[in-house]
């Protein structure tokens, strides 16, 4: 695994409120672009499992709960 620079989704456009990702020293690191000094390291296997779960909709109920809370 080659070290990379921070990357963000093309859906973020020029916004500074997005999640960025890179690989470094055999790990995957995540951070919020507006809080660049805070990083979350994880293994490639754990990150792949997270992505698969997100694509399968396993976390969708969190988004739905946030919409309900924002309406109250």
Protein backbone atom coordinates (compact mmCIF):
# COMPACT_ATOMS: atom_id res chain seq x y z
CA UNK A 1 0.00 0.00 0.00
CA UNK A 2 1.54 3.29 -1.12
CA UNK A 3 1.26 6.44 1.01
CA UNK A 4 -1.02 9.03 -0.57
CA UNK A 5 -2.09 12.61 -0.07
CA UNK A 6 -5.47 13.53 1.42
CA UNK A 7 -8.36 13.05 -1.00
CA UNK A 8 -12.01 14.00 -0.77
CA UNK A 9 -15.08 12.96 -2.68
CA UNK A 10 -15.77 14.68 -5.97
CA UNK A 11 -19.27 15.28 -4.58
CA UNK A 12 -17.76 17.73 -2.09
CA UNK A 13 -16.80 20.21 -4.82
CA UNK A 14 -14.95 23.11 -3.20
CA UNK A 15 -16.58 22.69 0.20
CA UNK A 16 -14.37 22.45 3.27
CA UNK A 17 -16.94 20.42 5.18
CA UNK A 18 -16.20 16.91 4.00
CA UNK A 19 -14.47 13.71 4.95
CA UNK A 20 -10.99 13.19 3.53
CA UNK A 21 -9.09 9.92 3.26
CA UNK A 22 -5.53 8.77 2.66
CA UNK A 23 -3.37 5.72 3.10
CA UNK A 24 -0.19 5.95 5.14
CA UNK A 25 2.11 3.40 6.76
CA UNK A 26 -0.24 0.55 5.83
CA UNK A 27 -3.30 2.21 7.39
CA UNK A 28 -6.29 4.12 6.10
CA UNK A 29 -6.76 7.52 7.76
CA UNK A 30 -9.92 9.63 7.78
CA UNK A 31 -10.42 13.23 8.84
CA UNK A 32 -12.88 16.08 8.48
CA UNK A 33 -11.42 18.77 6.24
CA UNK A 34 -12.30 21.53 8.71
CA UNK A 35 -10.66 19.61 11.61
CA UNK A 36 -7.51 18.44 9.83
CA UNK A 37 -5.51 17.91 13.01
CA UNK A 38 -7.87 15.11 14.14
CA UNK A 39 -7.45 11.82 12.29
CA UNK A 40 -9.04 8.41 12.63
CA UNK A 41 -6.70 5.57 11.64
CA UNK A 42 -8.05 2.14 10.73
CA UNK A 43 -6.94 -0.94 8.88
CA UNK A 44 -7.75 -1.44 5.20
CA UNK A 45 -9.87 -4.50 6.12
CA UNK A 46 -11.95 -2.56 8.67
CA UNK A 47 -12.41 0.32 6.25
CA UNK A 48 -13.51 -2.06 3.49
CA UNK A 49 -16.04 -3.66 5.86
CA UNK A 50 -17.34 -0.19 6.79
CA UNK A 51 -17.76 0.76 3.12
CA UNK A 52 -19.58 -2.49 2.35
CA UNK A 53 -21.93 -1.93 5.30
CA UNK A 54 -22.61 1.66 4.25
CA UNK A 55 -23.34 0.61 0.66
CA UNK A 56 -25.68 -2.11 1.99
CA UNK A 57 -27.66 0.52 3.93
CA UNK A 58 -26.75 -0.71 7.40
CA UNK A 59 -26.40 2.86 8.69
CA UNK A 60 -29.38 4.42 6.92
CA UNK A 61 -31.46 4.46 10.09
CA UNK A 62 -29.03 7.01 11.58
CA UNK A 63 -29.72 9.44 8.75
CA UNK A 64 -33.46 8.95 9.11
CA UNK A 65 -33.28 9.62 12.87
CA UNK A 66 -31.33 12.83 12.20
CA UNK A 67 -34.06 14.08 9.86
CA UNK A 68 -36.72 13.39 12.47
CA UNK A 69 -34.73 15.20 15.15
CA UNK A 70 -34.15 18.21 12.94
CA UNK A 71 -37.89 18.59 12.42
CA UNK A 72 -38.66 18.75 16.14
